Protein backbone atom coordinates (compact mmCIF):
# COMPACT_ATOMS: atom_id res chain seq x y z
CA MET A 1 -6.95 -15.97 -10.85
CA PHE A 2 -4.99 -15.30 -14.00
CA ILE A 3 -4.64 -11.79 -15.42
CA LYS A 4 -4.74 -11.84 -19.22
CA ARG A 5 -4.71 -8.13 -20.06
CA PHE A 6 -5.21 -4.71 -18.53
CA ASN A 7 -5.03 -0.99 -19.22
CA LEU A 8 -5.47 2.13 -17.12
CA LYS A 9 -5.74 5.86 -17.70
CA ASP A 10 -5.13 8.49 -15.03
CA SER A 11 -6.52 11.78 -16.34
CA ILE A 12 -5.17 13.82 -13.42
CA ARG A 13 -1.57 12.82 -14.11
CA ASN A 14 -2.10 12.64 -17.90
CA LEU A 15 -0.87 9.06 -17.72
CA GLU A 16 -2.03 6.13 -19.79
CA ILE A 17 -0.96 2.50 -19.66
CA SER A 18 -1.78 0.86 -22.98
CA ASP A 19 -3.06 -2.73 -23.14
CA ILE A 20 -0.52 -5.11 -21.61
CA ASP A 21 -0.86 -8.86 -22.19
CA PHE A 22 0.40 -11.25 -19.54
CA THR A 23 1.44 -14.90 -19.47
CA LYS A 24 2.11 -17.10 -16.43
CA LEU A 25 5.59 -15.67 -15.77
CA ASN A 26 6.21 -12.03 -16.63
CA VAL A 27 9.36 -9.96 -16.10
CA LEU A 28 9.04 -6.21 -16.58
CA VAL A 29 12.33 -4.79 -17.82
CA GLY A 30 13.25 -1.35 -19.08
CA THR A 31 15.24 1.76 -18.37
CA SER A 32 14.79 3.65 -15.10
CA GLY A 33 11.67 5.78 -15.33
CA ALA A 34 10.14 3.70 -18.13
CA GLY A 35 7.11 2.84 -16.00
CA LYS A 36 7.66 -0.60 -14.45
CA THR A 37 6.66 0.52 -10.96
CA THR A 38 3.78 2.53 -12.44
CA ILE A 39 2.39 -0.66 -13.99
CA MET A 40 2.62 -2.47 -10.65
CA THR A 41 0.96 0.44 -8.85
CA ALA A 42 -1.81 0.57 -11.45
CA LEU A 43 -2.61 -3.11 -10.94
CA PHE A 44 -2.67 -2.54 -7.20
CA SER A 45 -5.01 0.45 -7.69
CA ILE A 46 -7.47 -1.81 -9.50
CA THR A 47 -7.44 -4.23 -6.56
CA ARG A 48 -8.20 -1.30 -4.23
CA ILE A 49 -11.13 -0.27 -6.44
CA ALA A 50 -12.40 -3.85 -6.11
CA ASP A 51 -12.08 -3.43 -2.36
CA GLY A 52 -14.28 -0.34 -2.25
CA GLU A 53 -11.83 2.53 -2.72
CA SER A 54 -12.47 5.47 -5.01
CA SER A 55 -9.85 6.44 -7.60
CA PRO A 56 -10.66 9.92 -8.99
CA ALA A 57 -10.25 10.46 -12.75
CA ASP A 58 -9.08 6.88 -13.35
CA SER A 59 -10.51 4.57 -15.99
CA TRP A 60 -9.50 0.95 -16.41
CA SER A 61 -10.18 -2.39 -18.02
CA ILE A 62 -8.88 -5.72 -16.80
CA GLU A 63 -9.44 -9.12 -18.39
CA PHE A 64 -8.84 -12.21 -16.28
CA ILE A 65 -9.85 -15.76 -15.49
CA ASP A 66 -11.45 -15.92 -12.05
CA ASN A 67 -11.16 -18.67 -9.46
CA ASP A 68 -14.16 -20.47 -10.99
CA ASN A 69 -12.44 -20.50 -14.41
CA LYS A 70 -14.78 -17.89 -15.87
CA GLU A 71 -13.58 -15.31 -18.39
CA ILE A 72 -14.08 -11.87 -16.85
CA ILE A 73 -13.77 -8.37 -18.33
CA TRP A 74 -14.22 -5.64 -15.72
CA SER A 75 -13.99 -1.99 -16.68
CA GLY A 76 -14.97 1.36 -15.27
CA ARG A 77 -14.42 5.10 -15.13
CA PHE A 78 -14.37 7.55 -12.22
CA SER A 79 -15.31 11.19 -12.53
CA GLY A 80 -12.59 13.84 -12.34
CA GLU A 81 -14.71 15.93 -9.99
CA ILE A 82 -13.25 15.33 -6.53
CA ASP A 83 -15.19 15.21 -3.26
CA LEU A 84 -13.92 14.49 0.25
CA ASP A 85 -15.00 11.64 2.50
CA LYS A 86 -15.29 11.79 6.30
CA GLU A 87 -11.51 11.30 6.66
CA ASP A 88 -10.78 14.02 4.07
CA ASN A 89 -9.64 11.50 1.47
CA ASP A 90 -10.18 12.37 -2.19
CA ILE A 91 -13.13 10.47 -3.69
CA ALA A 92 -15.05 10.69 -6.94
CA GLU A 93 -18.19 9.19 -8.39
CA LEU A 94 -17.86 5.97 -10.35
CA ILE A 95 -19.78 7.03 -13.45
CA GLU A 96 -19.28 3.90 -15.56
CA GLU A 97 -18.76 0.24 -14.77
CA LYS A 98 -19.22 -2.94 -16.79
CA ILE A 99 -18.76 -6.60 -15.93
CA ILE A 100 -18.75 -9.20 -18.69
CA ILE A 101 -18.72 -12.88 -17.70
CA ASP A 102 -18.02 -15.46 -20.40
CA GLY A 103 -19.01 -12.96 -23.09
CA ILE A 104 -22.29 -11.87 -21.46
CA VAL A 105 -22.80 -8.41 -19.98
CA VAL A 106 -23.91 -9.12 -16.42
CA LEU A 107 -23.64 -5.66 -14.86
CA GLU A 108 -23.56 -2.21 -16.38
CA LYS A 109 -23.54 1.25 -14.83
CA LYS A 110 -24.03 4.14 -17.23
CA ASP A 111 -25.87 7.47 -17.38
CA GLY A 112 -26.72 7.25 -13.69
CA LYS A 113 -28.39 3.85 -13.98
CA THR A 114 -27.13 0.40 -12.95
CA THR A 115 -28.48 -2.92 -14.16
CA LEU A 116 -27.69 -6.46 -13.04
CA ASN A 117 -28.77 -9.07 -15.58
CA ASN A 118 -30.89 -6.32 -17.19
CA ASN A 119 -32.70 -5.67 -13.91
CA PRO A 120 -32.39 -2.12 -12.50
CA LEU A 121 -30.54 -1.65 -9.22
CA PRO A 122 -30.89 1.18 -6.70
CA VAL A 123 -27.94 3.49 -6.09
CA LEU A 124 -26.04 1.88 -3.21
CA ASP A 125 -22.94 4.06 -3.03
CA LYS A 126 -21.97 6.17 -6.02
CA TYR A 127 -18.30 6.26 -5.00
CA LYS A 128 -17.70 2.50 -4.76
CA SER A 129 -17.46 -0.25 -7.36
CA ASN A 130 -20.28 -2.75 -7.68
CA VAL A 131 -17.70 -5.54 -7.49
CA TYR A 132 -17.29 -4.42 -3.88
CA LEU A 133 -20.89 -3.45 -3.13
CA LEU A 134 -22.27 -6.72 -4.53
CA ARG A 135 -19.44 -8.95 -3.31
CA GLU A 136 -21.94 -11.25 -1.57
CA ASP A 137 -23.94 -11.76 -4.78
CA ASP A 138 -23.63 -15.35 -6.01
CA GLU A 139 -22.70 -14.28 -9.52
CA LEU A 140 -20.17 -11.59 -8.59
CA MET A 141 -18.63 -13.17 -5.48
CA SER A 142 -15.94 -15.05 -7.42
CA ILE A 143 -14.84 -11.81 -9.11
CA TYR A 144 -14.32 -10.09 -5.77
CA GLN A 145 -12.50 -13.14 -4.40
CA ALA A 146 -10.26 -13.26 -7.48
CA MET A 147 -9.23 -9.64 -7.02
CA GLN A 148 -8.41 -10.42 -3.39
CA SER A 149 -6.00 -13.10 -4.65
CA ILE A 150 -3.54 -10.47 -5.91
CA ILE A 151 -0.51 -9.97 -3.64
CA ILE A 152 1.77 -7.01 -4.30
CA VAL A 153 5.25 -6.63 -2.82
CA GLN A 154 6.69 -3.12 -3.09
CA ASN A 155 9.52 -1.39 -1.29
CA ASP A 156 7.10 -0.10 1.34
CA SER A 157 5.08 -3.31 1.79
CA ARG A 158 4.91 -3.46 5.58
CA ALA A 159 4.34 -7.19 5.95
CA HIS A 160 7.33 -8.05 3.77
CA VAL A 161 9.96 -5.52 4.80
CA SER A 162 9.14 -4.20 8.28
CA GLU A 163 11.00 -6.67 10.48
CA ALA A 164 10.47 -4.56 13.61
CA SER A 165 6.66 -4.70 13.60
CA ILE A 166 4.50 -7.34 15.28
CA PRO A 167 1.67 -8.63 13.05
CA ILE A 168 -1.74 -8.25 14.65
CA MET A 169 -4.64 -10.60 14.00
CA SER A 170 -8.19 -10.72 15.28
CA LYS A 171 -9.21 -13.21 17.96
CA LYS A 172 -11.40 -14.97 15.43
CA LEU A 173 -8.64 -15.81 12.94
CA PRO A 174 -6.76 -18.49 14.96
CA LYS A 175 -10.10 -20.14 15.78
CA LYS A 176 -11.16 -20.03 12.14
CA VAL A 177 -7.89 -21.54 10.89
CA GLY A 178 -7.88 -24.15 13.66
CA ALA A 179 -11.45 -25.16 12.85
CA PHE A 180 -10.56 -25.56 9.18
CA PHE A 181 -7.67 -27.91 9.85
CA LYS A 182 -9.64 -29.82 12.47
CA LYS A 183 -12.37 -30.46 9.90
CA ASN A 184 -9.95 -31.03 7.01
CA LYS A 185 -7.15 -33.02 8.62
CA ASP A 186 -5.29 -33.81 5.40
CA SER A 187 -5.44 -30.28 4.01
CA SER A 188 -2.41 -28.07 3.45
CA ILE A 189 -1.83 -24.39 4.13
CA ASN A 190 -2.21 -23.92 0.36
CA ASP A 191 -5.69 -25.49 0.55
CA TYR A 192 -6.70 -23.03 3.25
CA CYS A 193 -5.39 -20.10 1.19
CA SER A 194 -7.32 -21.35 -1.85
CA ILE A 195 -10.57 -20.82 0.04
CA TYR A 196 -9.74 -17.79 2.21
CA ASN A 197 -7.68 -14.70 1.45
CA ASP A 198 -7.13 -13.56 5.03
CA LEU A 199 -3.49 -14.54 5.65
CA ASP A 200 -0.53 -12.30 4.88
CA CYS A 201 2.99 -13.66 4.41
CA ARG A 202 3.79 -13.73 8.14
CA SER A 203 0.49 -15.34 9.12
CA LYS A 204 1.12 -18.08 6.55
CA ILE A 205 4.37 -18.97 8.33
CA PHE A 206 2.65 -18.92 11.71
CA PHE A 207 -0.19 -21.24 10.70
CA ALA A 208 1.91 -23.48 8.43
CA LYS A 209 4.16 -24.30 11.38
CA GLN A 210 1.10 -25.12 13.49
CA TYR A 211 -0.95 -27.14 11.02
CA ASP A 212 1.15 -28.17 7.99
CA LYS A 213 4.43 -29.66 9.18
CA GLU A 214 5.32 -31.15 5.80
CA LYS A 215 5.01 -27.85 3.95
CA PHE A 216 6.69 -25.89 6.74
CA ASP A 217 9.64 -28.30 6.77
CA GLU A 218 10.00 -27.83 3.01
CA PHE A 219 9.93 -24.07 3.52
CA LEU A 220 12.54 -24.31 6.28
CA PHE A 221 14.74 -26.52 4.09
CA VAL A 222 14.76 -23.93 1.29
CA TYR A 223 15.38 -21.07 3.73
CA THR A 224 18.25 -22.81 5.53
CA SER A 225 19.74 -23.81 2.17
CA ILE A 226 20.04 -20.11 1.42
CA PHE A 227 21.17 -19.17 4.94
CA SER A 228 23.20 -22.17 6.08
CA ASN A 229 23.90 -20.64 9.52
CA VAL A 230 20.18 -20.84 10.43
CA ASP A 231 18.95 -23.92 12.31
CA CYS A 232 15.25 -23.14 12.73
CA ILE A 233 12.53 -20.48 12.76
CA ASN A 234 10.67 -20.00 16.04
CA ILE A 235 7.34 -18.27 16.53
CA LYS A 236 6.11 -16.76 19.78
CA LYS A 237 2.45 -15.90 20.12
CA TYR A 238 1.22 -12.94 22.15
CA ASN A 239 -2.28 -12.93 23.58
CA GLY A 240 -4.17 -9.69 24.02
CA VAL A 241 -1.66 -7.38 22.39
CA LYS A 242 -2.29 -3.80 23.52
CA LYS A 243 -3.47 -1.46 20.82
CA GLN A 244 -2.67 2.24 20.90
CA ASN A 245 -5.85 3.03 22.79
CA GLY A 246 -4.86 0.55 25.51
CA ILE A 247 -7.60 -1.97 24.74
CA GLN A 248 -6.43 -5.59 24.74
CA MET A 249 -8.41 -7.06 21.88
CA GLN A 250 -6.11 -8.81 19.45
CA HIS A 251 -3.41 -11.43 19.12
CA GLY A 252 0.05 -11.06 17.65
CA PHE A 253 3.14 -13.13 17.05
CA HIS A 254 6.88 -12.62 16.87
CA LEU A 255 9.48 -14.52 14.85
CA ASN A 256 13.06 -15.30 15.72
CA LEU A 257 15.86 -17.35 14.23
CA LYS A 258 17.93 -19.94 16.04
CA LEU A 259 21.39 -20.17 14.52
CA ASN A 260 23.50 -23.33 14.38
CA ASP A 261 25.64 -22.14 17.28
CA GLY A 262 22.57 -21.65 19.47
CA THR A 263 22.37 -17.87 19.11
CA ILE A 264 18.83 -16.47 18.98
CA VAL A 265 18.26 -13.59 16.58
CA GLU A 266 15.08 -11.71 17.49
CA GLN A 267 12.80 -10.52 14.73
CA GLU A 268 13.83 -6.86 14.97
CA ASP A 269 17.49 -7.90 14.61
CA ILE A 270 17.03 -10.07 11.53
CA SER A 271 18.75 -8.46 8.54
CA SER A 272 16.49 -6.91 5.91
CA GLY A 273 17.67 -9.42 3.30
CA MET A 274 17.06 -12.47 5.50
CA PHE A 275 13.66 -11.13 6.54
CA LYS A 276 12.44 -10.26 3.04
CA THR A 277 13.66 -13.61 1.72
CA MET A 278 11.62 -15.38 4.39
CA MET A 279 8.49 -13.40 3.52
CA LEU A 280 8.85 -13.92 -0.23
CA LEU A 281 9.34 -17.65 0.27
CA SER A 282 6.21 -17.69 2.44
CA ASP A 283 4.11 -16.19 -0.35
CA LEU A 284 5.73 -18.37 -3.00
CA MET A 285 5.39 -21.66 -1.09
CA PHE A 286 2.23 -21.25 1.00
CA SER A 287 -0.13 -19.31 -1.28
CA SER A 288 -3.01 -20.77 -3.26
CA LYS A 289 -2.94 -21.74 -6.91
CA PHE A 290 -5.24 -18.77 -7.58
CA THR A 291 -2.68 -16.22 -6.41
CA VAL A 292 -1.22 -13.54 -8.63
CA LEU A 293 2.06 -12.36 -7.11
CA LEU A 294 3.42 -8.95 -8.07
CA ILE A 295 6.97 -8.14 -6.93
CA ASP A 296 8.37 -4.73 -7.78
CA GLU A 297 12.17 -4.66 -8.10
CA VAL A 298 12.52 -8.16 -6.74
CA GLU A 299 16.25 -7.75 -6.09
CA ASN A 300 15.80 -4.94 -3.55
CA SER A 301 17.20 -5.87 -0.09
CA LEU A 302 18.19 -9.34 -1.34
CA GLY A 303 21.81 -10.45 -1.33
CA VAL A 304 23.43 -12.22 -4.26
CA ASN A 305 23.11 -15.51 -2.35
CA CYS A 306 19.32 -15.12 -2.09
CA LEU A 307 18.46 -14.33 -5.69
CA PRO A 308 18.98 -17.73 -7.39
CA ASP A 309 16.66 -19.57 -4.98
CA ILE A 310 13.99 -16.87 -5.04
CA ILE A 311 14.03 -16.77 -8.84
CA GLN A 312 13.88 -20.57 -8.99
CA GLU A 313 10.81 -20.56 -6.74
CA ILE A 314 9.20 -17.90 -8.94
CA LYS A 315 9.93 -19.91 -12.10
CA SER A 316 8.53 -23.12 -10.61
CA SER A 317 5.49 -21.48 -9.01
CA ASP A 318 2.03 -22.92 -9.65
CA PHE A 319 0.52 -19.45 -10.00
CA GLN A 320 1.02 -16.31 -12.06
CA CYS A 321 3.95 -14.05 -11.20
CA ILE A 322 4.66 -10.55 -12.45
CA ILE A 323 8.00 -9.12 -11.37
CA SER A 324 10.10 -6.12 -12.31
CA THR A 325 13.87 -5.95 -12.22
CA HIS A 326 17.03 -4.18 -13.35
CA HIS A 327 19.32 -7.00 -12.25
CA PRO A 328 21.43 -8.62 -15.01
CA LYS A 329 21.53 -12.00 -13.25
CA ILE A 330 17.73 -12.21 -13.03
CA ILE A 331 17.27 -11.05 -16.62
CA ASN A 332 19.79 -13.62 -17.86
CA ASP A 333 18.18 -16.39 -15.79
CA ILE A 334 14.68 -15.93 -17.23
CA PRO A 335 14.03 -16.65 -20.94
CA PRO A 336 13.39 -13.59 -23.17
CA LYS A 337 9.94 -14.97 -24.05
CA ASN A 338 8.90 -14.02 -20.50
CA TRP A 339 10.20 -10.45 -20.74
CA LEU A 340 7.92 -7.47 -21.18
CA ILE A 341 10.02 -4.50 -22.23
CA VAL A 342 8.48 -1.35 -20.77
CA SER A 343 8.82 1.96 -22.56
CA ARG A 344 7.37 5.44 -22.12
CA GLU A 345 6.57 8.14 -24.63
CA LYS A 346 5.49 11.27 -22.79
CA GLY A 347 2.52 10.10 -20.69
CA ASN A 348 1.98 6.80 -22.48
CA ILE A 349 3.44 3.59 -21.04
CA SER A 350 3.51 0.36 -23.01
CA ALA A 351 5.05 -3.09 -22.62
CA SER A 352 5.85 -5.46 -25.42
CA LYS A 353 7.74 -8.57 -26.35
CA SER A 354 11.11 -8.25 -28.02
CA THR A 355 11.10 -10.48 -31.07
CA GLU A 356 14.51 -9.00 -31.81
CA ILE A 357 15.96 -10.94 -28.85
CA ILE A 358 13.60 -13.93 -28.82
CA ASN A 359 14.55 -14.79 -32.42
CA SER A 360 18.19 -13.86 -32.01
CA THR A 361 20.89 -16.43 -32.79
CA SER A 362 23.52 -14.33 -31.03
CA HIS A 363 25.65 -16.00 -28.37
CA HIS A 364 26.03 -12.75 -26.47
CA ASP A 365 24.74 -12.37 -22.92
CA LYS A 366 20.94 -11.85 -23.04
CA PHE A 367 21.18 -8.81 -20.77
CA ILE A 368 23.70 -7.22 -23.16
CA GLN A 369 21.37 -8.00 -26.06
CA LEU A 370 18.53 -6.38 -24.14
CA ILE A 371 20.24 -3.09 -23.38
CA ASN A 372 21.47 -2.88 -26.98
CA SER A 373 18.07 -3.68 -28.48
CA CYS A 374 16.06 -1.12 -30.41
CA ILE A 375 12.96 -1.45 -28.24
CA PHE A 376 14.93 -1.00 -24.99
CA ARG A 377 16.57 2.13 -26.39
CA GLY A 378 13.21 3.44 -27.60
CA GLU A 379 13.96 3.02 -31.31
CA ASP A 380 11.73 1.39 -33.91
CA GLN A 381 12.49 -2.26 -34.51
């Protein structure tokens, strides 16, 4: 997947994100409160809509290239009239939805009627998107799969930052992954992730170590280059992990680090910086070429020693990355042509290129040029 452009309007919060155009590498920069995290959250909200969630009073449009290289424009609008579902979550009717594939309107919902290739459809669930409801349809399946390719890393992303938790997986997943590598002996973990979107960052480490020694060794080399006191990463599998209701139904696994002096550091004792670095490297090195990786405030929890390698992996990635940052070192390390300077005027958030800096012949530090630029300060260029 490759996101070309998107916009979103939240009528409840009187918030509007104007059209933002993306390239392969995108760095959101701007003053605190400008809207960088809001942009990340808005993109994540669109993925949740694709996964069947309701988003009251929101309207959106997103243009992207799906995993089959088709040009997609998907837009929609939820009502502002809020209902409650069985769990007392706010929901609203999706009153408009349109899917355009390679310039042709394939699906449209409007005035209470939905058509697919000009054929009327019954009302399946008025609160959910048709991208979700029709995800098994041959024509729309690749759109749903593309939206599942988006990975977002925020400060509260459990898989990336909660070193004390034990990841749980279904009994079927290890069998499914094992069967794939048994059938496709020369495949990599990236090949698996190109077909299936069911592995989070920790699961990628677990299965890469089992089935893709070459890629895991490369991952370990990068990690131990950052943390030179680490010798190896060990993984312990638990069978039949007890859930809260006491039923033993699922599997889990636990990571630890072996240091050069033989000391074992259990997962819950791994520092937040070392743990997050490991998880980010997992997504950067093991994900599929169709991935879109969103990292909000990439520098959070990472030490100065971690940042250069993480940024280098982001810059050399095969897939699209959208990151936000305040950090001078990161901003200086990434060319201005990749910056999107975020600004806010009342409830309107926009992001634009800074031709003032891109075309500058100044020898001053790029970060200094940024914070002194008209667009960063909210002045007309």
